[in-house]
Amino acid sequence: MKKYLRFLGIKGRTTIPLAIRFSLGLQTSDIISFEQDGTKIILQKEKLCNDCRSDEVADINSFIESLTLKEQRDVLVALTLKLSERTENK
């Protein structure tokens, strides 16, 4: 397994290496989760639904694009909180 080093910015931001984004199929606007396991962080690509068909995903993407930037942020916060709650209840 190859190790990649990145700097953590002042706001806690970093860049996921291209090779990892490619291997996970990550694209702009994908939802990812972070889980702490001791001193390790597990990054995982998440789905909005388990049985989505490609036309449903396109509909979701169209809906998201129709929202204002503030509305998109509000949806992201709500989904993040919901996912966090579900993860804690495992």
N, C-alpha and C. Protein backbone atom coordinates (compact mmCIF):
# COMPACT_ATOMS: atom_id res chain seq x y z
N MET A 1 0.85 -1.17 0.00
CA MET A 1 0.00 0.00 0.00
C MET A 1 0.89 1.24 0.00
N LYS A 2 0.62 2.15 -0.94
CA LYS A 2 1.42 3.37 -1.05
C LYS A 2 0.95 4.40 -0.03
N LYS A 3 1.89 5.11 0.57
CA LYS A 3 1.57 6.15 1.54
C LYS A 3 1.72 7.51 0.87
N TYR A 4 0.72 8.36 1.04
CA TYR A 4 0.73 9.70 0.49
C TYR A 4 0.82 10.70 1.64
N LEU A 5 1.63 11.70 1.49
CA LEU A 5 1.74 12.75 2.50
C LEU A 5 1.12 14.04 1.96
N ARG A 6 0.35 14.70 2.78
CA ARG A 6 -0.27 15.98 2.43
C ARG A 6 -0.19 16.89 3.64
N PHE A 7 -0.19 18.19 3.40
CA PHE A 7 -0.25 19.18 4.47
C PHE A 7 -1.69 19.41 4.86
N LEU A 8 -1.92 19.63 6.15
CA LEU A 8 -3.23 20.00 6.65
C LEU A 8 -3.24 21.51 6.80
N GLY A 9 -4.15 22.17 6.09
CA GLY A 9 -4.22 23.63 6.11
C GLY A 9 -4.76 24.16 7.42
N ILE A 10 -4.67 25.46 7.57
CA ILE A 10 -5.09 26.13 8.80
C ILE A 10 -6.57 25.91 9.10
N LYS A 11 -7.39 25.72 8.07
CA LYS A 11 -8.82 25.49 8.26
C LYS A 11 -9.15 23.99 8.31
N GLY A 12 -8.13 23.14 8.42
CA GLY A 12 -8.35 21.70 8.50
C GLY A 12 -8.58 21.06 7.14
N ARG A 13 -8.24 21.74 6.08
CA ARG A 13 -8.45 21.23 4.73
C ARG A 13 -7.19 20.57 4.19
N THR A 14 -7.40 19.58 3.35
CA THR A 14 -6.30 18.93 2.65
C THR A 14 -6.83 18.43 1.31
N THR A 15 -5.97 17.87 0.49
CA THR A 15 -6.36 17.34 -0.81
C THR A 15 -6.22 15.83 -0.80
N ILE A 16 -7.26 15.13 -1.23
CA ILE A 16 -7.17 13.68 -1.37
C ILE A 16 -6.36 13.42 -2.65
N PRO A 17 -5.30 12.63 -2.56
CA PRO A 17 -4.47 12.39 -3.74
C PRO A 17 -5.28 11.85 -4.92
N LEU A 18 -4.90 12.26 -6.11
CA LEU A 18 -5.61 11.88 -7.33
C LEU A 18 -5.73 10.37 -7.47
N ALA A 19 -4.67 9.65 -7.17
CA ALA A 19 -4.69 8.18 -7.31
C ALA A 19 -5.77 7.57 -6.42
N ILE A 20 -5.94 8.10 -5.22
CA ILE A 20 -6.97 7.59 -4.32
C ILE A 20 -8.35 7.98 -4.81
N ARG A 21 -8.52 9.24 -5.24
CA ARG A 21 -9.81 9.67 -5.79
C ARG A 21 -10.19 8.81 -6.98
N PHE A 22 -9.23 8.51 -7.82
CA PHE A 22 -9.50 7.70 -9.01
C PHE A 22 -9.88 6.27 -8.63
N SER A 23 -9.12 5.68 -7.71
CA SER A 23 -9.39 4.28 -7.34
C SER A 23 -10.73 4.12 -6.62
N LEU A 24 -11.17 5.14 -5.88
CA LEU A 24 -12.46 5.09 -5.22
C LEU A 24 -13.60 5.60 -6.10
N GLY A 25 -13.25 6.15 -7.25
CA GLY A 25 -14.27 6.72 -8.14
C GLY A 25 -14.88 7.99 -7.59
N LEU A 26 -14.10 8.73 -6.78
CA LEU A 26 -14.60 9.97 -6.20
C LEU A 26 -14.67 11.07 -7.24
N GLN A 27 -15.77 11.82 -7.21
CA GLN A 27 -15.95 12.95 -8.11
C GLN A 27 -16.43 14.15 -7.30
N THR A 28 -16.35 15.32 -7.92
CA THR A 28 -16.85 16.53 -7.28
C THR A 28 -18.29 16.31 -6.82
N SER A 29 -18.60 16.76 -5.63
CA SER A 29 -19.92 16.69 -5.00
C SER A 29 -20.27 15.31 -4.44
N ASP A 30 -19.37 14.33 -4.53
CA ASP A 30 -19.62 13.04 -3.88
C ASP A 30 -19.64 13.25 -2.37
N ILE A 31 -20.36 12.40 -1.69
CA ILE A 31 -20.42 12.46 -0.24
C ILE A 31 -19.43 11.45 0.32
N ILE A 32 -18.60 11.92 1.25
CA ILE A 32 -17.63 11.03 1.89
C ILE A 32 -17.82 11.13 3.40
N SER A 33 -17.45 10.06 4.08
CA SER A 33 -17.53 10.07 5.53
C SER A 33 -16.14 9.82 6.10
N PHE A 34 -15.94 10.28 7.33
CA PHE A 34 -14.69 10.07 8.05
C PHE A 34 -15.04 9.33 9.33
N GLU A 35 -14.25 8.31 9.64
CA GLU A 35 -14.44 7.56 10.87
C GLU A 35 -13.09 7.42 11.55
N GLN A 36 -13.06 7.64 12.83
CA GLN A 36 -11.81 7.52 13.57
C GLN A 36 -11.69 6.13 14.16
N ASP A 37 -10.52 5.51 13.97
CA ASP A 37 -10.22 4.20 14.53
C ASP A 37 -8.87 4.32 15.23
N GLY A 38 -8.91 4.67 16.50
CA GLY A 38 -7.67 4.91 17.23
C GLY A 38 -6.99 6.15 16.66
N THR A 39 -5.78 5.97 16.13
CA THR A 39 -5.05 7.10 15.54
C THR A 39 -5.21 7.15 14.03
N LYS A 40 -6.08 6.29 13.48
CA LYS A 40 -6.29 6.26 12.03
C LYS A 40 -7.63 6.89 11.68
N ILE A 41 -7.70 7.45 10.47
CA ILE A 41 -8.94 8.00 9.94
C ILE A 41 -9.33 7.16 8.74
N ILE A 42 -10.56 6.69 8.72
CA ILE A 42 -11.07 5.91 7.60
C ILE A 42 -11.96 6.83 6.77
N LEU A 43 -11.59 6.99 5.50
CA LEU A 43 -12.36 7.80 4.56
C LEU A 43 -13.16 6.85 3.70
N GLN A 44 -14.44 7.12 3.53
CA GLN A 44 -15.29 6.21 2.78
C GLN A 44 -16.24 6.99 1.89
N LYS A 45 -16.42 6.52 0.66
CA LYS A 45 -17.41 7.11 -0.23
C LYS A 45 -18.78 6.61 0.20
N GLU A 46 -19.75 7.52 0.29
CA GLU A 46 -21.10 7.17 0.73
C GLU A 46 -22.09 7.33 -0.41
N LYS A 47 -23.22 6.65 -0.28
CA LYS A 47 -24.30 6.75 -1.25
C LYS A 47 -25.50 7.41 -0.58
N LEU A 48 -26.29 8.13 -1.35
CA LEU A 48 -27.51 8.71 -0.81
C LEU A 48 -28.56 7.62 -0.59
N CYS A 49 -28.52 6.59 -1.42
CA CYS A 49 -29.45 5.48 -1.24
C CYS A 49 -28.77 4.20 -1.71
N ASN A 50 -29.24 3.06 -1.23
CA ASN A 50 -28.61 1.78 -1.55
C ASN A 50 -29.02 1.22 -2.90
N ASP A 51 -30.24 1.48 -3.32
CA ASP A 51 -30.74 0.89 -4.56
C ASP A 51 -31.06 1.93 -5.62
N CYS A 52 -30.28 3.02 -5.66
CA CYS A 52 -30.52 4.08 -6.64
C CYS A 52 -30.25 3.57 -8.04
N ARG A 53 -31.14 3.94 -8.95
CA ARG A 53 -30.89 3.69 -10.36
C ARG A 53 -30.20 4.92 -10.92
N SER A 54 -29.52 4.79 -12.04
CA SER A 54 -28.76 5.91 -12.59
C SER A 54 -29.66 7.11 -12.91
N ASP A 55 -30.91 6.86 -13.36
CA ASP A 55 -31.80 7.99 -13.65
C ASP A 55 -32.23 8.69 -12.36
N GLU A 56 -32.32 7.94 -11.25
CA GLU A 56 -32.64 8.57 -9.97
C GLU A 56 -31.48 9.44 -9.50
N VAL A 57 -30.25 8.97 -9.71
CA VAL A 57 -29.08 9.76 -9.33
C VAL A 57 -29.04 11.03 -10.16
N ALA A 58 -29.35 10.94 -11.45
CA ALA A 58 -29.37 12.12 -12.31
C ALA A 58 -30.43 13.10 -11.82
N ASP A 59 -31.60 12.57 -11.40
CA ASP A 59 -32.65 13.44 -10.86
C ASP A 59 -32.18 14.14 -9.59
N ILE A 60 -31.48 13.41 -8.73
CA ILE A 60 -30.96 14.00 -7.49
C ILE A 60 -29.94 15.08 -7.82
N ASN A 61 -29.04 14.78 -8.76
CA ASN A 61 -28.03 15.77 -9.16
C ASN A 61 -28.68 17.02 -9.75
N SER A 62 -29.70 16.84 -10.57
CA SER A 62 -30.42 17.98 -11.15
C SER A 62 -31.08 18.80 -10.05
N PHE A 63 -31.69 18.11 -9.09
CA PHE A 63 -32.33 18.80 -7.98
C PHE A 63 -31.30 19.61 -7.20
N ILE A 64 -30.16 19.00 -6.88
CA ILE A 64 -29.12 19.69 -6.12
C ILE A 64 -28.63 20.91 -6.88
N GLU A 65 -28.42 20.78 -8.17
CA GLU A 65 -27.95 21.90 -8.99
C GLU A 65 -28.97 23.03 -9.03
N SER A 66 -30.24 22.71 -8.85
CA SER A 66 -31.28 23.75 -8.90
C SER A 66 -31.34 24.57 -7.61
N LEU A 67 -30.69 24.08 -6.56
CA LEU A 67 -30.70 24.78 -5.27
C LEU A 67 -29.70 25.93 -5.27
N THR A 68 -29.97 26.92 -4.44
CA THR A 68 -28.99 27.99 -4.25
C THR A 68 -27.81 27.43 -3.46
N LEU A 69 -26.71 28.15 -3.44
CA LEU A 69 -25.54 27.71 -2.71
C LEU A 69 -25.86 27.54 -1.22
N LYS A 70 -26.63 28.44 -0.66
CA LYS A 70 -27.02 28.34 0.76
C LYS A 70 -27.86 27.09 0.99
N GLU A 71 -28.80 26.82 0.10
CA GLU A 71 -29.64 25.63 0.23
C GLU A 71 -28.80 24.36 0.10
N GLN A 72 -27.83 24.35 -0.81
CA GLN A 72 -26.95 23.20 -0.94
C GLN A 72 -26.16 22.96 0.34
N ARG A 73 -25.65 24.05 0.94
CA ARG A 73 -24.92 23.92 2.21
C ARG A 73 -25.84 23.38 3.31
N ASP A 74 -27.07 23.88 3.37
CA ASP A 74 -28.02 23.42 4.38
C ASP A 74 -28.31 21.92 4.22
N VAL A 75 -28.47 21.48 2.98
CA VAL A 75 -28.70 20.05 2.70
C VAL A 75 -27.48 19.24 3.12
N LEU A 76 -26.30 19.73 2.80
CA LEU A 76 -25.07 19.02 3.16
C LEU A 76 -24.95 18.87 4.68
N VAL A 77 -25.23 19.94 5.40
CA VAL A 77 -25.17 19.89 6.87
C VAL A 77 -26.20 18.89 7.40
N ALA A 78 -27.41 18.94 6.87
CA ALA A 78 -28.47 18.04 7.34
C ALA A 78 -28.10 16.58 7.06
N LEU A 79 -27.60 16.31 5.86
CA LEU A 79 -27.22 14.93 5.52
C LEU A 79 -26.03 14.45 6.35
N THR A 80 -25.09 15.34 6.60
CA THR A 80 -23.92 14.99 7.42
C THR A 80 -24.35 14.63 8.84
N LEU A 81 -25.25 15.44 9.41
CA LEU A 81 -25.75 15.15 10.75
C LEU A 81 -26.52 13.84 10.78
N LYS A 82 -27.34 13.61 9.77
CA LYS A 82 -28.12 12.37 9.69
C LYS A 82 -27.20 11.16 9.58
N LEU A 83 -26.19 11.26 8.73
CA LEU A 83 -25.24 10.16 8.56
C LEU A 83 -24.46 9.93 9.85
N SER A 84 -24.09 11.00 10.52
CA SER A 84 -23.37 10.89 11.79
C SER A 84 -24.21 10.16 12.83
N GLU A 85 -25.50 10.49 12.90
CA GLU A 85 -26.41 9.83 13.84
C GLU A 85 -26.53 8.35 13.53
N ARG A 86 -26.64 8.01 12.26
CA ARG A 86 -26.78 6.61 11.85
C ARG A 86 -25.52 5.84 12.16
N THR A 87 -24.36 6.48 11.98
CA THR A 87 -23.09 5.83 12.24
C THR A 87 -22.91 5.57 13.74
N GLU A 88 -23.32 6.53 14.56
CA GLU A 88 -23.21 6.39 16.02
C GLU A 88 -24.12 5.29 16.55
N ASN A 89 -25.24 5.04 15.87
CA ASN A 89 -26.21 4.04 16.33
C ASN A 89 -25.91 2.63 15.83
N LYS A 90 -24.79 2.45 15.15
CA LYS A 90 -24.45 1.10 14.64
C LYS A 90 -24.13 0.17 15.77
